[in-house]
Amino acid sequence: MWPTIATVLLLILSGFAVNKIFKKMKETPATDPESLVTSICFLLIGVVNLAGYWLGFPGVSTMALTVALLIIGAYFTRYLQVDGAKYPR
Protein backbone atom coordinates (compact mmCIF):
# COMPACT_ATOMS: atom_id res chain seq x y z
CA MET A 1 0.00 0.00 0.00
CA TRP A 2 2.69 2.52 1.01
CA PRO A 3 4.94 1.89 -2.01
CA THR A 4 1.98 2.51 -4.31
CA ILE A 5 1.12 5.76 -2.54
CA ALA A 6 4.76 6.86 -2.67
CA THR A 7 4.93 6.06 -6.38
CA VAL A 8 1.80 8.01 -7.22
CA LEU A 9 2.96 10.94 -5.09
CA LEU A 10 6.37 10.96 -6.76
CA LEU A 11 4.83 10.92 -10.23
CA ILE A 12 2.45 13.76 -9.39
CA LEU A 13 5.19 15.89 -7.85
CA SER A 14 7.51 15.18 -10.77
CA GLY A 15 4.79 16.35 -13.15
CA PHE A 16 4.45 19.61 -11.21
CA ALA A 17 8.24 20.07 -11.21
CA VAL A 18 8.50 19.53 -14.97
CA ASN A 19 5.62 21.95 -15.52
CA LYS A 20 7.37 24.59 -13.41
CA ILE A 21 10.66 24.06 -15.26
CA PHE A 22 8.94 24.59 -18.63
CA LYS A 23 7.20 27.75 -17.36
CA LYS A 24 10.55 29.12 -16.17
CA MET A 25 12.09 28.29 -19.55
CA LYS A 26 9.39 30.30 -21.32
CA GLU A 27 9.82 33.30 -18.97
CA THR A 28 13.57 33.63 -19.42
CA PRO A 29 14.64 34.80 -22.87
CA ALA A 30 17.96 32.94 -23.13
CA THR A 31 18.00 29.54 -21.47
CA ASP A 32 21.21 27.57 -21.81
CA PRO A 33 20.93 23.79 -21.76
CA GLU A 34 23.49 23.75 -18.94
CA SER A 35 21.04 25.52 -16.64
CA LEU A 36 18.57 22.65 -16.97
CA VAL A 37 20.99 19.83 -16.17
CA THR A 38 20.67 20.21 -12.38
CA SER A 39 16.87 20.01 -12.46
CA ILE A 40 16.91 17.08 -14.85
CA CYS A 41 19.46 15.19 -12.72
CA PHE A 42 17.42 15.67 -9.55
CA LEU A 43 14.27 14.47 -11.30
CA LEU A 44 16.13 11.46 -12.69
CA ILE A 45 17.28 10.52 -9.18
CA GLY A 46 13.66 9.94 -8.20
CA VAL A 47 12.94 8.02 -11.39
CA VAL A 48 16.03 5.81 -10.99
CA ASN A 49 15.24 4.96 -7.39
CA LEU A 50 11.60 4.28 -8.22
CA ALA A 51 12.58 2.03 -11.13
CA GLY A 52 15.13 0.31 -8.93
CA TYR A 53 12.46 -0.43 -6.36
CA TRP A 54 9.75 -1.66 -8.72
CA LEU A 55 11.98 -3.54 -11.18
CA GLY A 56 14.29 -5.02 -8.57
CA PHE A 57 17.60 -3.52 -9.71
CA PRO A 58 20.55 -4.30 -7.44
CA GLY A 59 21.08 -1.69 -4.75
CA VAL A 60 24.67 -1.02 -5.73
CA SER A 61 23.76 -0.04 -9.28
CA THR A 62 20.95 2.32 -8.27
CA MET A 63 23.12 3.85 -5.55
CA ALA A 64 26.02 4.36 -7.96
CA LEU A 65 23.74 5.98 -10.52
CA THR A 66 22.19 8.17 -7.81
CA VAL A 67 25.60 9.35 -6.63
CA ALA A 68 26.69 10.02 -10.22
CA LEU A 69 23.54 12.08 -10.85
CA LEU A 70 24.10 14.01 -7.62
CA ILE A 71 27.67 14.84 -8.61
CA ILE A 72 26.62 15.93 -12.11
CA GLY A 73 23.76 18.01 -10.69
CA ALA A 74 26.05 19.63 -8.13
CA TYR A 75 28.60 20.48 -10.80
CA PHE A 76 26.06 22.17 -13.05
CA THR A 77 24.61 24.37 -10.27
CA ARG A 78 27.10 27.00 -11.38
CA TYR A 79 24.99 27.50 -14.51
CA LEU A 80 21.70 28.08 -12.70
CA GLN A 81 20.18 31.45 -13.42
CA VAL A 82 19.94 33.82 -10.47
CA ASP A 83 17.39 36.60 -10.31
CA GLY A 84 19.40 39.82 -10.25
CA ALA A 85 16.72 41.80 -8.38
CA LYS A 86 16.76 39.43 -5.41
CA TYR A 87 20.52 38.94 -5.21
CA PRO A 88 22.45 42.08 -6.19
CA ARG A 89 26.18 41.68 -6.67
PDB file of N, CA and C in Angstrom:
ATOM      1  N   MET A   1       0.817  -1.190   0.000  1.00  0.00           N
ATOM      2  CA  MET A   1       0.000   0.000   0.000  1.00  0.00           C
ATOM      3  C   MET A   1       0.867   1.262   0.000  1.00  0.00           C
ATOM      4  N   TRP A   2       1.855   1.326   0.938  1.00  0.00           N
ATOM      5  CA  TRP A   2       2.690   2.518   1.007  1.00  0.00           C
ATOM      6  C   TRP A   2       3.565   2.710  -0.225  1.00  0.00           C
ATOM      7  N   PRO A   3       4.149   1.668  -0.787  1.00  0.00           N
ATOM      8  CA  PRO A   3       4.943   1.891  -2.011  1.00  0.00           C
ATOM      9  C   PRO A   3       4.098   2.437  -3.160  1.00  0.00           C
ATOM     10  N   THR A   4       2.854   2.003  -3.250  1.00  0.00           N
ATOM     11  CA  THR A   4       1.983   2.506  -4.312  1.00  0.00           C
ATOM     12  C   THR A   4       1.671   3.981  -4.098  1.00  0.00           C
ATOM     13  N   ILE A   5       1.393   4.349  -2.855  1.00  0.00           N
ATOM     14  CA  ILE A   5       1.117   5.757  -2.543  1.00  0.00           C
ATOM     15  C   ILE A   5       2.351   6.611  -2.818  1.00  0.00           C
ATOM     16  N   ALA A   6       3.517   6.120  -2.426  1.00  0.00           N
ATOM     17  CA  ALA A   6       4.758   6.862  -2.667  1.00  0.00           C
ATOM     18  C   ALA A   6       5.029   7.017  -4.160  1.00  0.00           C
ATOM     19  N   THR A   7       4.717   5.993  -4.940  1.00  0.00           N
ATOM     20  CA  THR A   7       4.928   6.055  -6.384  1.00  0.00           C
ATOM     21  C   THR A   7       4.016   7.087  -7.027  1.00  0.00           C
ATOM     22  N   VAL A   8       2.756   7.053  -6.662  1.00  0.00           N
ATOM     23  CA  VAL A   8       1.799   8.010  -7.225  1.00  0.00           C
ATOM     24  C   VAL A   8       2.166   9.431  -6.815  1.00  0.00           C
ATOM     25  N   LEU A   9       2.570   9.617  -5.562  1.00  0.00           N
ATOM     26  CA  LEU A   9       2.959  10.938  -5.088  1.00  0.00           C
ATOM     27  C   LEU A   9       4.197  11.444  -5.822  1.00  0.00           C
ATOM     28  N   LEU A  10       5.173  10.560  -6.033  1.00  0.00           N
ATOM     29  CA  LEU A  10       6.373  10.957  -6.760  1.00  0.00           C
ATOM     30  C   LEU A  10       6.053  11.339  -8.201  1.00  0.00           C
ATOM     31  N   LEU A  11       5.197  10.596  -8.850  1.00  0.00           N
ATOM     32  CA  LEU A  11       4.829  10.915 -10.232  1.00  0.00           C
ATOM     33  C   LEU A  11       4.081  12.244 -10.327  1.00  0.00           C
ATOM     34  N   ILE A  12       3.188  12.498  -9.386  1.00  0.00           N
ATOM     35  CA  ILE A  12       2.447  13.764  -9.387  1.00  0.00           C
ATOM     36  C   ILE A  12       3.392  14.933  -9.147  1.00  0.00           C
ATOM     37  N   LEU A  13       4.265  14.809  -8.148  1.00  0.00           N
ATOM     38  CA  LEU A  13       5.195  15.894  -7.850  1.00  0.00           C
ATOM     39  C   LEU A  13       6.200  16.096  -8.972  1.00  0.00           C
ATOM     40  N   SER A  14       6.609  15.037  -9.625  1.00  0.00           N
ATOM     41  CA  SER A  14       7.512  15.182 -10.773  1.00  0.00           C
ATOM     42  C   SER A  14       6.820  15.914 -11.917  1.00  0.00           C
ATOM     43  N   GLY A  15       5.552  15.633 -12.120  1.00  0.00           N
ATOM     44  CA  GLY A  15       4.793  16.353 -13.145  1.00  0.00           C
ATOM     45  C   GLY A  15       4.713  17.841 -12.852  1.00  0.00           C
ATOM     46  N   PHE A  16       4.474  18.198 -11.579  1.00  0.00           N
ATOM     47  CA  PHE A  16       4.450  19.615 -11.205  1.00  0.00           C
ATOM     48  C   PHE A  16       5.820  20.260 -11.403  1.00  0.00           C
ATOM     49  N   ALA A  17       6.887  19.530 -11.067  1.00  0.00           N
ATOM     50  CA  ALA A  17       8.238  20.073 -11.211  1.00  0.00           C
ATOM     51  C   ALA A  17       8.580  20.309 -12.679  1.00  0.00           C
ATOM     52  N   VAL A  18       8.233  19.369 -13.539  1.00  0.00           N
ATOM     53  CA  VAL A  18       8.500  19.532 -14.975  1.00  0.00           C
ATOM     54  C   VAL A  18       7.692  20.700 -15.532  1.00  0.00           C
ATOM     55  N   ASN A  19       6.461  20.829 -15.086  1.00  0.00           N
ATOM     56  CA  ASN A  19       5.623  21.948 -15.524  1.00  0.00           C
ATOM     57  C   ASN A  19       6.246  23.279 -15.106  1.00  0.00           C
ATOM     58  N   LYS A  20       6.745  23.364 -13.882  1.00  0.00           N
ATOM     59  CA  LYS A  20       7.371  24.595 -13.412  1.00  0.00           C
ATOM     60  C   LYS A  20       8.658  24.892 -14.179  1.00  0.00           C
ATOM     61  N   ILE A  21       9.423  23.867 -14.496  1.00  0.00           N
ATOM     62  CA  ILE A  21      10.657  24.060 -15.263  1.00  0.00           C
ATOM     63  C   ILE A  21      10.334  24.620 -16.643  1.00  0.00           C
ATOM     64  N   PHE A  22       9.306  24.089 -17.299  1.00  0.00           N
ATOM     65  CA  PHE A  22       8.940  24.591 -18.625  1.00  0.00           C
ATOM     66  C   PHE A  22       8.413  26.015 -18.559  1.00  0.00           C
ATOM     67  N   LYS A  23       7.668  26.370 -17.504  1.00  0.00           N
ATOM     68  CA  LYS A  23       7.204  27.751 -17.356  1.00  0.00           C
ATOM     69  C   LYS A  23       8.372  28.698 -17.166  1.00  0.00           C
ATOM     70  N   LYS A  24       9.371  28.286 -16.366  1.00  0.00           N
ATOM     71  CA  LYS A  24      10.554  29.118 -16.169  1.00  0.00           C
ATOM     72  C   LYS A  24      11.335  29.279 -17.469  1.00  0.00           C
ATOM     73  N   MET A  25      11.390  28.214 -18.271  1.00  0.00           N
ATOM     74  CA  MET A  25      12.091  28.295 -19.551  1.00  0.00           C
ATOM     75  C   MET A  25      11.430  29.310 -20.474  1.00  0.00           C
ATOM     76  N   LYS A  26      10.096  29.362 -20.455  1.00  0.00           N
ATOM     77  CA  LYS A  26       9.390  30.302 -21.321  1.00  0.00           C
ATOM     78  C   LYS A  26       9.544  31.734 -20.839  1.00  0.00           C
ATOM     79  N   GLU A  27       9.691  31.949 -19.516  1.00  0.00           N
ATOM     80  CA  GLU A  27       9.819  33.297 -18.972  1.00  0.00           C
ATOM     81  C   GLU A  27      11.191  33.905 -19.250  1.00  0.00           C
ATOM     82  N   THR A  28      12.224  33.105 -19.200  1.00  0.00           N
ATOM     83  CA  THR A  28      13.566  33.629 -19.417  1.00  0.00           C
ATOM     84  C   THR A  28      13.876  33.622 -20.913  1.00  0.00           C
ATOM     85  N   PRO A  29      14.412  34.710 -21.428  1.00  0.00           N
ATOM     86  CA  PRO A  29      14.637  34.797 -22.873  1.00  0.00           C
ATOM     87  C   PRO A  29      15.733  33.866 -23.378  1.00  0.00           C
ATOM     88  N   ALA A  30      16.838  33.768 -22.669  1.00  0.00           N
ATOM     89  CA  ALA A  30      17.958  32.938 -23.133  1.00  0.00           C
ATOM     90  C   ALA A  30      18.220  31.858 -22.102  1.00  0.00           C
ATOM     91  N   THR A  31      17.786  30.652 -22.401  1.00  0.00           N
ATOM     92  CA  THR A  31      18.004  29.541 -21.475  1.00  0.00           C
ATOM     93  C   THR A  31      19.050  28.610 -22.072  1.00  0.00           C
ATOM     94  N   ASP A  32      20.162  28.501 -21.379  1.00  0.00           N
ATOM     95  CA  ASP A  32      21.207  27.571 -21.809  1.00  0.00           C
ATOM     96  C   ASP A  32      20.828  26.164 -21.388  1.00  0.00           C
ATOM     97  N   PRO A  33      21.211  25.177 -22.165  1.00  0.00           N
ATOM     98  CA  PRO A  33      20.929  23.795 -21.760  1.00  0.00           C
ATOM     99  C   PRO A  33      21.633  23.418 -20.454  1.00  0.00           C
ATOM    100  N   GLU A  34      22.761  24.062 -20.169  1.00  0.00           N
ATOM    101  CA  GLU A  34      23.489  23.745 -18.937  1.00  0.00           C
ATOM    102  C   GLU A  34      22.684  24.108 -17.700  1.00  0.00           C
ATOM    103  N   SER A  35      21.817  25.113 -17.797  1.00  0.00           N
ATOM    104  CA  SER A  35      21.036  25.522 -16.635  1.00  0.00           C
ATOM    105  C   SER A  35      19.928  24.530 -16.304  1.00  0.00           C
ATOM    106  N   LEU A  36      19.614  23.640 -17.219  1.00  0.00           N
ATOM    107  CA  LEU A  36      18.567  22.651 -16.974  1.00  0.00           C
ATOM    108  C   LEU A  36      19.109  21.322 -16.458  1.00  0.00           C
ATOM    109  N   VAL A  37      20.409  21.123 -16.519  1.00  0.00           N
ATOM    110  CA  VAL A  37      20.989  19.826 -16.171  1.00  0.00           C
ATOM    111  C   VAL A  37      20.749  19.491 -14.700  1.00  0.00           C
ATOM    112  N   THR A  38      20.864  20.474 -13.806  1.00  0.00           N
ATOM    113  CA  THR A  38      20.666  20.210 -12.383  1.00  0.00           C
ATOM    114  C   THR A  38      19.248  19.730 -12.111  1.00  0.00           C
ATOM    115  N   SER A  39      18.259  20.408 -12.668  1.00  0.00           N
ATOM    116  CA  SER A  39      16.872  20.009 -12.456  1.00  0.00           C
ATOM    117  C   SER A  39      16.589  18.631 -13.036  1.00  0.00           C
ATOM    118  N   ILE A  40      17.126  18.374 -14.211  1.00  0.00           N
ATOM    119  CA  ILE A  40      16.909  17.075 -14.850  1.00  0.00           C
ATOM    120  C   ILE A  40      17.568  15.958 -14.035  1.00  0.00           C
ATOM    121  N   CYS A  41      18.780  16.211 -13.524  1.00  0.00           N
ATOM    122  CA  CYS A  41      19.462  15.187 -12.719  1.00  0.00           C
ATOM    123  C   CYS A  41      18.682  14.882 -11.448  1.00  0.00           C
ATOM    124  N   PHE A  42      18.164  15.910 -10.786  1.00  0.00           N
ATOM    125  CA  PHE A  42      17.421  15.667  -9.554  1.00  0.00           C
ATOM    126  C   PHE A  42      16.111  14.947  -9.821  1.00  0.00           C
ATOM    127  N   LEU A  43      15.470  15.216 -10.943  1.00  0.00           N
ATOM    128  CA  LEU A  43      14.267  14.466 -11.298  1.00  0.00           C
ATOM    129  C   LEU A  43      14.603  13.021 -11.649  1.00  0.00           C
ATOM    130  N   LEU A  44      15.724  12.823 -12.325  1.00  0.00           N
ATOM    131  CA  LEU A  44      16.132  11.463 -12.690  1.00  0.00           C
ATOM    132  C   LEU A  44      16.505  10.621 -11.470  1.00  0.00           C
ATOM    133  N   ILE A  45      16.959  11.262 -10.398  1.00  0.00           N
ATOM    134  CA  ILE A  45      17.277  10.517  -9.179  1.00  0.00           C
ATOM    135  C   ILE A  45      16.022   9.826  -8.656  1.00  0.00           C
ATOM    136  N   GLY A  46      14.911  10.544  -8.640  1.00  0.00           N
ATOM    137  CA  GLY A  46      13.661   9.939  -8.199  1.00  0.00           C
ATOM    138  C   GLY A  46      13.201   8.828  -9.119  1.00  0.00           C
ATOM    139  N   VAL A  47      13.356   9.033 -10.413  1.00  0.00           N
ATOM    140  CA  VAL A  47      12.938   8.018 -11.386  1.00  0.00           C
ATOM    141  C   VAL A  47      13.811   6.765 -11.269  1.00  0.00           C
ATOM    142  N   VAL A  48      15.118   6.956 -11.104  1.00  0.00           N
ATOM    143  CA  VAL A  48      16.031   5.814 -10.989  1.00  0.00           C
ATOM    144  C   VAL A  48      15.722   5.001  -9.736  1.00  0.00           C
ATOM    145  N   ASN A  49      15.523   5.680  -8.629  1.00  0.00           N
ATOM    146  CA  ASN A  49      15.239   4.956  -7.389  1.00  0.00           C
ATOM    147  C   ASN A  49      13.880   4.271  -7.435  1.00  0.00           C
ATOM    148  N   LEU A  50      12.918   4.901  -8.075  1.00  0.00           N
ATOM    149  CA  LEU A  50      11.603   4.280  -8.223  1.00  0.00           C
ATOM    150  C   LEU A  50      11.680   3.048  -9.133  1.00  0.00           C
ATOM    151  N   ALA A  51      12.403   3.174 -10.236  1.00  0.00           N
ATOM    152  CA  ALA A  51      12.575   2.033 -11.133  1.00  0.00           C
ATOM    153  C   ALA A  51      13.371   0.928 -10.454  1.00  0.00           C
ATOM    154  N   GLY A  52      14.355   1.309  -9.662  1.00  0.00           N
ATOM    155  CA  GLY A  52      15.128   0.309  -8.935  1.00  0.00           C
ATOM    156  C   GLY A  52      14.281  -0.448  -7.935  1.00  0.00           C
ATOM    157  N   TYR A  53      13.341   0.241  -7.329  1.00  0.00           N
ATOM    158  CA  TYR A  53      12.460  -0.432  -6.365  1.00  0.00           C
ATOM    159  C   TYR A  53      11.491  -1.376  -7.066  1.00  0.00           C
ATOM    160  N   TRP A  54      10.802  -0.862  -8.088  1.00  0.00           N
ATOM    161  CA  TRP A  54       9.755  -1.656  -8.722  1.00  0.00           C
ATOM    162  C   TRP A  54      10.298  -2.761  -9.620  1.00  0.00           C
ATOM    163  N   LEU A  55      11.438  -2.541 -10.256  1.00  0.00           N
ATOM    164  CA  LEU A  55      11.980  -3.538 -11.179  1.00  0.00           C
ATOM    165  C   LEU A  55      13.028  -4.430 -10.538  1.00  0.00           C
ATOM    166  N   GLY A  56      13.386  -4.150  -9.299  1.00  0.00           N
ATOM    167  CA  GLY A  56      14.294  -5.021  -8.574  1.00  0.00           C
ATOM    168  C   GLY A  56      15.746  -4.904  -8.998  1.00  0.00           C
ATOM    169  N   PHE A  57      16.184  -3.702  -9.382  1.00  0.00           N
ATOM    170  CA  PHE A  57      17.597  -3.524  -9.711  1.00  0.00           C
ATOM    171  C   PHE A  57      18.434  -3.728  -8.455  1.00  0.00           C
ATOM    172  N   PRO A  58      19.672  -4.166  -8.614  1.00  0.00           N
ATOM    173  CA  PRO A  58      20.550  -4.296  -7.443  1.00  0.00           C
ATOM    174  C   PRO A  58      20.792  -2.932  -6.792  1.00  0.00           C
ATOM    175  N   GLY A  59      20.913  -2.932  -5.489  1.00  0.00           N
ATOM    176  CA  GLY A  59      21.075  -1.691  -4.747  1.00  0.00           C
ATOM    177  C   GLY A  59      22.346  -0.939  -5.091  1.00  0.00           C
ATOM    178  N   VAL A  60      23.405  -1.666  -5.416  1.00  0.00           N
ATOM    179  CA  VAL A  60      24.675  -1.022  -5.730  1.00  0.00           C
ATOM    180  C   VAL A  60      24.561  -0.214  -7.018  1.00  0.00           C
ATOM    181  N   SER A  61      23.870  -0.743  -8.008  1.00  0.00           N
ATOM    182  CA  SER A  61      23.760  -0.038  -9.281  1.00  0.00           C
ATOM    183  C   SER A  61      22.904   1.214  -9.145  1.00  0.00           C
ATOM    184  N   THR A  62      21.797   1.126  -8.431  1.00  0.00           N
ATOM    185  CA  THR A  62      20.954   2.316  -8.266  1.00  0.00           C
ATOM    186  C   THR A  62      21.658   3.351  -7.405  1.00  0.00           C
ATOM    187  N   MET A  63      22.399   2.897  -6.390  1.00  0.00           N
ATOM    188  CA  MET A  63      23.119   3.847  -5.546  1.00  0.00           C
ATOM    189  C   MET A  63      24.238   4.518  -6.326  1.00  0.00           C
ATOM    190  N   ALA A  64      24.951   3.774  -7.159  1.00  0.00           N
ATOM    191  CA  ALA A  64      26.024   4.357  -7.962  1.00  0.00           C
ATOM    192  C   ALA A  64      25.468   5.374  -8.955  1.00  0.00           C
ATOM    193  N   LEU A  65      24.352   5.042  -9.583  1.00  0.00           N
ATOM    194  CA  LEU A  65      23.737   5.981 -10.520  1.00  0.00           C
ATOM    195  C   LEU A  65      23.204   7.215  -9.795  1.00  0.00           C
ATOM    196  N   THR A  66      22.669   7.033  -8.595  1.00  0.00           N
ATOM    197  CA  THR A  66      22.189   8.172  -7.807  1.00  0.00           C
ATOM    198  C   THR A  66      23.337   9.095  -7.428  1.00  0.00           C
ATOM    199  N   VAL A  67      24.444   8.533  -6.996  1.00  0.00           N
ATOM    200  CA  VAL A  67      25.601   9.355  -6.627  1.00  0.00           C
ATOM    201  C   VAL A  67      26.157  10.067  -7.860  1.00  0.00           C
ATOM    202  N   ALA A  68      26.205   9.386  -8.985  1.00  0.00           N
ATOM    203  CA  ALA A  68      26.685  10.023 -10.222  1.00  0.00           C
ATOM    204  C   ALA A  68      25.778  11.188 -10.619  1.00  0.00           C
ATOM    205  N   LEU A  69      24.462  10.994 -10.520  1.00  0.00           N
ATOM    206  CA  LEU A  69      23.537  12.078 -10.854  1.00  0.00           C
ATOM    207  C   LEU A  69      23.657  13.240  -9.872  1.00  0.00           C
ATOM    208  N   LEU A  70      23.886  12.945  -8.597  1.00  0.00           N
ATOM    209  CA  LEU A  70      24.097  14.010  -7.617  1.00  0.00           C
ATOM    210  C   LEU A  70      25.349  14.817  -7.922  1.00  0.00           C
ATOM    211  N   ILE A  71      26.423  14.137  -8.290  1.00  0.00           N
ATOM    212  CA  ILE A  71      27.669  14.838  -8.609  1.00  0.00           C
ATOM    213  C   ILE A  71      27.495  15.695  -9.857  1.00  0.00           C
ATOM    214  N   ILE A  72      26.849  15.165 -10.876  1.00  0.00           N
ATOM    215  CA  ILE A  72      26.619  15.930 -12.107  1.00  0.00           C
ATOM    216  C   ILE A  72      25.716  17.128 -11.815  1.00  0.00           C
ATOM    217  N   GLY A  73      24.657  16.909 -11.048  1.00  0.00           N
ATOM    218  CA  GLY A  73      23.757  18.006 -10.691  1.00  0.00           C
ATOM    219  C   GLY A  73      24.451  19.073  -9.870  1.00  0.00           C
ATOM    220  N   ALA A  74      25.311  18.663  -8.940  1.00  0.00           N
ATOM    221  CA  ALA A  74      26.046  19.634  -8.128  1.00  0.00           C
ATOM    222  C   ALA A  74      27.032  20.428  -8.975  1.00  0.00           C
ATOM    223  N   TYR A  75      27.648  19.780  -9.945  1.00  0.00           N
ATOM    224  CA  TYR A  75      28.599  20.480 -10.796  1.00  0.00           C
ATOM    225  C   TYR A  75      27.902  21.553 -11.634  1.00  0.00           C
ATOM    226  N   PHE A  76      26.741  21.241 -12.158  1.00  0.00           N
ATOM    227  CA  PHE A  76      26.062  22.173 -13.053  1.00  0.00           C
ATOM    228  C   PHE A  76      25.241  23.225 -12.318  1.00  0.00           C
ATOM    229  N   THR A  77      25.303  23.281 -10.976  1.00  0.00           N
ATOM    230  CA  THR A  77      24.610  24.369 -10.269  1.00  0.00           C
ATOM    231  C   THR A  77      25.240  25.718 -10.572  1.00  0.00           C
ATOM    232  N   ARG A  78      26.464  25.732 -11.040  1.00  0.00           N
ATOM    233  CA  ARG A  78      27.101  27.004 -11.383  1.00  0.00           C
ATOM    234  C   ARG A  78      26.408  27.681 -12.561  1.00  0.00           C
ATOM    235  N   TYR A  79      25.661  26.928 -13.354  1.00  0.00           N
ATOM    236  CA  TYR A  79      24.995  27.496 -14.515  1.00  0.00           C
ATOM    237  C   TYR A  79      23.546  27.892 -14.238  1.00  0.00           C
ATOM    238  N   LEU A  80      23.066  27.690 -13.012  1.00  0.00           N
ATOM    239  CA  LEU A  80      21.697  28.083 -12.697  1.00  0.00           C
ATOM    240  C   LEU A  80      21.553  29.582 -12.808  1.00  0.00           C
ATOM    241  N   GLN A  81      20.410  30.034 -13.262  1.00  0.00           N
ATOM    242  CA  GLN A  81      20.179  31.451 -13.423  1.00  0.00           C
ATOM    243  C   GLN A  81      19.695  32.034 -12.104  1.00  0.00           C
ATOM    244  N   VAL A  82      20.288  33.156 -11.715  1.00  0.00           N
ATOM    245  CA  VAL A  82      19.941  33.818 -10.474  1.00  0.00           C
ATOM    246  C   VAL A  82      19.224  35.104 -10.811  1.00  0.00           C
ATOM    247  N   ASP A  83      18.147  35.363 -10.100  1.00  0.00           N
ATOM    248  CA  ASP A  83      17.388  36.596 -10.306  1.00  0.00           C
ATOM    249  C   ASP A  83      18.209  37.767  -9.770  1.00  0.00           C
ATOM    250  N   GLY A  84      18.560  38.705 -10.624  1.00  0.00           N
ATOM    251  CA  GLY A  84      19.401  39.821 -10.247  1.00  0.00           C
ATOM    252  C   GLY A  84      18.751  40.785  -9.267  1.00  0.00           C
ATOM    253  N   ALA A  85      17.409  40.878  -9.284  1.00  0.00           N
ATOM    254  CA  ALA A  85      16.719  41.796  -8.376  1.00  0.00           C
ATOM    255  C   ALA A  85      16.766  41.289  -6.938  1.00  0.00           C
ATOM    256  N   LYS A  86      16.741  39.992  -6.754  1.00  0.00           N
ATOM    257  CA  LYS A  86      16.761  39.431  -5.413  1.00  0.00           C
ATOM    258  C   LYS A  86      18.164  39.392  -4.825  1.00  0.00           C
ATOM    259  N   TYR A  87      19.154  39.125  -5.681  1.00  0.00           N
ATOM    260  CA  TYR A  87      20.515  38.944  -5.214  1.00  0.00           C
ATOM    261  C   TYR A  87      21.458  39.884  -5.947  1.00  0.00           C
ATOM    262  N   PRO A  88      21.527  41.150  -5.501  1.00  0.00           N
ATOM    263  CA  PRO A  88      22.455  42.076  -6.193  1.00  0.00           C
ATOM    264  C   PRO A  88      23.892  41.727  -5.884  1.00  0.00           C
ATOM    265  N   ARG A  89      24.757  42.006  -6.859  1.00  0.00           N
ATOM    266  CA  ARG A  89      26.183  41.678  -6.673  1.00  0.00           C
ATOM    267  C   ARG A  89      26.918  42.833  -6.076  1.00  0.00           C
TER     268      ARG A  89
END
